[in-house]
């Protein structure tokens, strides 16, 4: 049986989700810098004060959008679960997950990139609070592979950023090229496999035969 406290928390969670979805809609439509908390309140159908009951500021809303929709807990769980898997399975699985999300949502979240270009404080937040922890998962994966001799010696920190940058850069170009993009008719799985081949053939020891991993 649901207790009064549990019911209160369920209502609060529903209200947070309502406000966050409204914020995402407003930020996507107007851009983060042009949007205001009153805009979000109108979109959500609540009083401005209600927003501040759940989120400290517009910047807090932006950070919550990232951790709820983009770098979500299910994605972090996937990274954690995949670390001990086959090297190709790990790289393809993670890339496919991010590409699928990007293909479906890049227009909704483009404002995140434009805000990072415009605002140094937001860049710092992204680098330390969002991307920093995410980098740890592929870093652990690559470090273990290098130490076991499966991958050649590389600068692991640089390699992690190259892997993530490959996906981010690919989605950036996909957004710019639109229908002209070669990924336009391709599945996220196909693109992930092609990118993974580039990554893994670059990391493999010189004793490898260069064939596509099975």
Protein backbone atom coordinates (compact mmCIF):
# COMPACT_ATOMS: atom_id res chain seq x y z
CA UNK A 1 0.00 0.00 0.00
CA UNK A 2 1.34 3.43 -0.95
CA UNK A 3 2.11 5.61 2.06
CA UNK A 4 1.39 9.33 2.20
CA UNK A 5 5.11 10.08 1.94
CA UNK A 6 5.49 7.84 -1.11
CA UNK A 7 2.49 9.47 -2.73
CA UNK A 8 3.95 12.92 -2.06
CA UNK A 9 7.23 11.88 -3.68
CA UNK A 10 5.42 10.46 -6.71
CA UNK A 11 3.62 13.78 -7.17
CA UNK A 12 6.92 15.67 -6.83
CA UNK A 13 8.61 13.42 -9.40
CA UNK A 14 5.75 13.92 -11.82
CA UNK A 15 5.98 17.68 -11.37
CA UNK A 16 9.76 17.65 -11.92
CA UNK A 17 9.28 15.67 -15.12
CA UNK A 18 6.53 18.06 -16.27
CA UNK A 19 8.76 21.09 -15.70
CA UNK A 20 11.79 19.46 -17.30
CA UNK A 21 9.88 18.49 -20.43
CA UNK A 22 8.57 22.04 -20.67
CA UNK A 23 12.09 23.42 -20.28
CA UNK A 24 13.39 21.14 -23.02
CA UNK A 25 10.61 22.27 -25.34
CA UNK A 26 11.28 25.96 -24.65
CA UNK A 27 15.08 25.67 -24.90
CA UNK A 28 14.77 23.78 -28.18
CA UNK A 29 12.37 26.32 -29.66
CA UNK A 30 13.89 29.58 -28.41
CA UNK A 31 17.46 28.64 -27.59
CA UNK A 32 18.77 28.51 -24.04
CA UNK A 33 20.10 32.08 -23.90
CA UNK A 34 16.78 33.58 -25.08
CA UNK A 35 14.55 31.41 -22.92
CA UNK A 36 13.44 32.50 -19.45
CA UNK A 37 12.10 30.73 -16.39
CA UNK A 38 8.69 32.43 -16.91
CA UNK A 39 8.70 30.94 -20.44
CA UNK A 40 9.20 27.50 -18.92
CA UNK A 41 6.47 28.12 -16.35
CA UNK A 42 3.98 29.09 -19.06
CA UNK A 43 4.90 26.01 -21.09
CA UNK A 44 4.46 23.77 -18.06
CA UNK A 45 1.27 25.49 -16.92
CA UNK A 46 2.60 26.28 -13.47
CA UNK A 47 3.52 29.37 -11.48
CA UNK A 48 7.08 30.69 -11.74
CA UNK A 49 7.55 30.03 -8.03
CA UNK A 50 6.74 26.38 -8.58
CA UNK A 51 9.76 26.06 -10.86
CA UNK A 52 12.02 27.26 -8.06
CA UNK A 53 10.51 24.71 -5.69
CA UNK A 54 12.16 22.02 -7.78
CA UNK A 55 15.06 23.69 -9.62
CA UNK A 56 17.39 26.38 -8.33
CA UNK A 57 17.86 28.24 -11.61
CA UNK A 58 17.64 28.09 -15.39
CA UNK A 59 21.15 26.63 -15.38
CA UNK A 60 19.98 23.90 -12.98
CA UNK A 61 17.22 23.08 -15.44
CA UNK A 62 19.80 22.78 -18.22
CA UNK A 63 22.00 20.46 -16.17
CA UNK A 64 19.01 18.31 -15.23
CA UNK A 65 18.02 18.01 -18.89
CA UNK A 66 21.46 16.61 -19.68
CA UNK A 67 21.48 14.09 -16.83
CA UNK A 68 17.88 13.06 -17.47
CA UNK A 69 17.78 12.81 -21.26
CA UNK A 70 21.34 12.72 -22.62
CA UNK A 71 23.76 11.26 -20.07
CA UNK A 72 21.02 9.38 -18.29
CA UNK A 73 21.37 6.70 -15.64
CA UNK A 74 20.36 3.91 -18.08
CA UNK A 75 23.22 5.01 -20.37
CA UNK A 76 25.67 5.02 -17.45
CA UNK A 77 24.41 1.56 -16.46
CA UNK A 78 25.09 0.39 -20.03
CA UNK A 79 28.65 1.69 -19.82
CA UNK A 80 29.22 0.01 -16.47
CA UNK A 81 27.76 -3.29 -17.64
CA UNK A 82 29.71 -3.28 -20.90
CA UNK A 83 33.20 -2.70 -19.50
CA UNK A 84 33.99 -6.39 -19.10
CA UNK A 85 32.50 -7.43 -22.42
CA UNK A 86 34.19 -8.29 -25.71
CA UNK A 87 36.10 -5.29 -27.10
CA UNK A 88 34.05 -5.04 -30.28
CA UNK A 89 30.79 -5.53 -28.40
CA UNK A 90 31.69 -2.71 -26.02
CA UNK A 91 32.66 -0.20 -28.71
CA UNK A 92 29.80 -1.03 -31.09
CA UNK A 93 27.23 -1.15 -28.29
CA UNK A 94 28.15 2.21 -26.81
CA UNK A 95 28.48 3.91 -30.20
CA UNK A 96 25.19 2.47 -31.42
CA UNK A 97 23.44 3.72 -28.28
CA UNK A 98 24.77 7.27 -28.71
CA UNK A 99 24.23 7.37 -32.47
CA UNK A 100 20.67 6.15 -32.14
CA UNK A 101 19.99 8.82 -29.55
CA UNK A 102 21.65 11.45 -31.70
CA UNK A 103 19.87 10.53 -34.93
CA UNK A 104 16.52 10.74 -33.16
CA UNK A 105 17.12 13.77 -30.96
CA UNK A 106 19.89 16.00 -32.30
CA UNK A 107 17.53 18.80 -33.31
CA UNK A 108 15.99 18.86 -29.84
CA UNK A 109 19.36 19.08 -28.10
CA UNK A 110 21.32 21.24 -30.51
CA UNK A 111 21.02 24.17 -28.09
CA UNK A 112 23.32 22.30 -25.68
CA UNK A 113 26.19 22.60 -28.16
CA UNK A 114 25.50 26.22 -29.05
CA UNK A 115 25.36 27.12 -25.36
CA UNK A 116 28.69 25.37 -24.76
CA UNK A 117 30.26 27.50 -27.49
CA UNK A 118 28.79 30.70 -26.07
CA UNK A 119 29.18 30.21 -22.31
CA UNK A 120 32.52 29.40 -20.64
CA UNK A 121 30.83 28.55 -17.33
CA UNK A 122 28.59 26.01 -19.03
CA UNK A 123 31.59 24.49 -20.83
CA UNK A 124 33.28 24.06 -17.46
CA UNK A 125 30.16 22.42 -16.04
CA UNK A 126 29.95 20.04 -18.99
CA UNK A 127 33.63 19.14 -18.81
CA UNK A 128 33.80 18.50 -15.08
CA UNK A 129 30.32 17.48 -13.98
CA UNK A 130 28.99 15.67 -17.05
CA UNK A 131 31.73 14.49 -19.41
CA UNK A 132 34.40 13.90 -16.78
CA UNK A 133 32.61 11.00 -15.07
CA UNK A 134 31.54 9.55 -18.43
CA UNK A 135 35.15 9.48 -19.65
CA UNK A 136 36.01 7.10 -16.82
CA UNK A 137 34.12 4.15 -18.32
CA UNK A 138 35.93 3.94 -21.68
CA UNK A 139 39.17 4.89 -19.88
CA UNK A 140 38.87 1.79 -17.68
CA UNK A 141 38.04 -0.34 -20.71
CA UNK A 142 40.99 0.90 -22.77
CA UNK A 143 43.41 0.80 -19.84
CA UNK A 144 42.57 -2.84 -19.17
CA UNK A 145 43.03 -3.74 -22.84
CA UNK A 146 46.39 -1.98 -23.02
CA UNK A 147 47.61 -3.61 -19.82
CA UNK A 148 46.56 -7.06 -21.06
CA UNK A 149 48.47 -6.53 -24.33
CA UNK A 150 45.35 -6.79 -26.50
CA UNK A 151 45.72 -3.14 -27.54
CA UNK A 152 48.99 -1.41 -28.29
CA UNK A 153 50.36 1.26 -25.99
CA UNK A 154 48.37 4.47 -26.43
CA UNK A 155 47.73 7.63 -24.48
CA UNK A 156 44.50 6.38 -22.95
CA UNK A 157 43.13 9.81 -22.04
CA UNK A 158 43.62 11.05 -25.58
CA UNK A 159 42.21 7.83 -27.03
CA UNK A 160 39.03 8.14 -24.95
CA UNK A 161 38.43 11.64 -26.27
CA UNK A 162 39.13 10.48 -29.82
CA UNK A 163 36.47 7.78 -29.47
CA UNK A 164 33.88 10.11 -28.01
CA UNK A 165 34.85 12.88 -30.39
CA UNK A 166 34.35 10.53 -33.32
CA UNK A 167 30.69 10.03 -32.40
CA UNK A 168 30.09 13.66 -31.48
CA UNK A 169 31.78 14.88 -34.64
CA UNK A 170 29.83 12.43 -36.75
CA UNK A 171 26.54 13.69 -35.29
CA UNK A 172 27.67 17.28 -35.76
CA UNK A 173 28.27 16.63 -39.47
CA UNK A 174 25.00 14.69 -39.70
CA UNK A 175 23.18 17.75 -38.37
CA UNK A 176 24.93 20.04 -40.86
CA UNK A 177 24.61 17.79 -43.93
CA UNK A 178 21.01 16.80 -43.34
CA UNK A 179 19.65 14.66 -46.17
CA UNK A 180 23.03 14.73 -47.92
CA UNK A 181 24.65 12.81 -45.07
CA UNK A 182 25.77 9.27 -45.97
CA UNK A 183 24.20 8.23 -42.66
CA UNK A 184 20.79 9.39 -43.84
CA UNK A 185 19.63 5.95 -44.91
CA UNK A 186 21.87 3.92 -42.61
CA UNK A 187 20.98 2.35 -39.31
CA UNK A 188 22.75 3.37 -36.11
CA UNK A 189 24.05 -0.20 -35.90
CA UNK A 190 25.68 -0.03 -39.34
CA UNK A 191 27.33 3.31 -38.62
CA UNK A 192 28.49 2.08 -35.19
CA UNK A 193 30.09 -1.00 -36.74
CA UNK A 194 31.95 1.09 -39.31
CA UNK A 195 33.22 3.53 -36.69
CA UNK A 196 34.13 0.68 -34.34
CA UNK A 197 36.24 -0.93 -37.07
CA UNK A 198 38.17 2.31 -37.44
CA UNK A 199 38.72 2.49 -33.69
CA UNK A 200 39.66 -1.13 -33.13
CA UNK A 201 41.95 -1.47 -36.11
CA UNK A 202 43.77 1.57 -34.88
CA UNK A 203 44.18 0.17 -31.37
CA UNK A 204 45.13 -3.39 -32.21
CA UNK A 205 48.69 -4.67 -31.81
CA UNK A 206 50.87 -5.00 -34.91
CA UNK A 207 50.51 -8.77 -34.75
CA UNK A 208 46.84 -8.47 -35.73
CA UNK A 209 45.88 -9.45 -39.26
CA UNK A 210 43.85 -6.30 -39.89
CA UNK A 211 40.67 -8.23 -40.64
CA UNK A 212 37.34 -7.08 -39.31
CA UNK A 213 36.80 -8.56 -35.83
CA UNK A 214 34.07 -11.15 -35.64
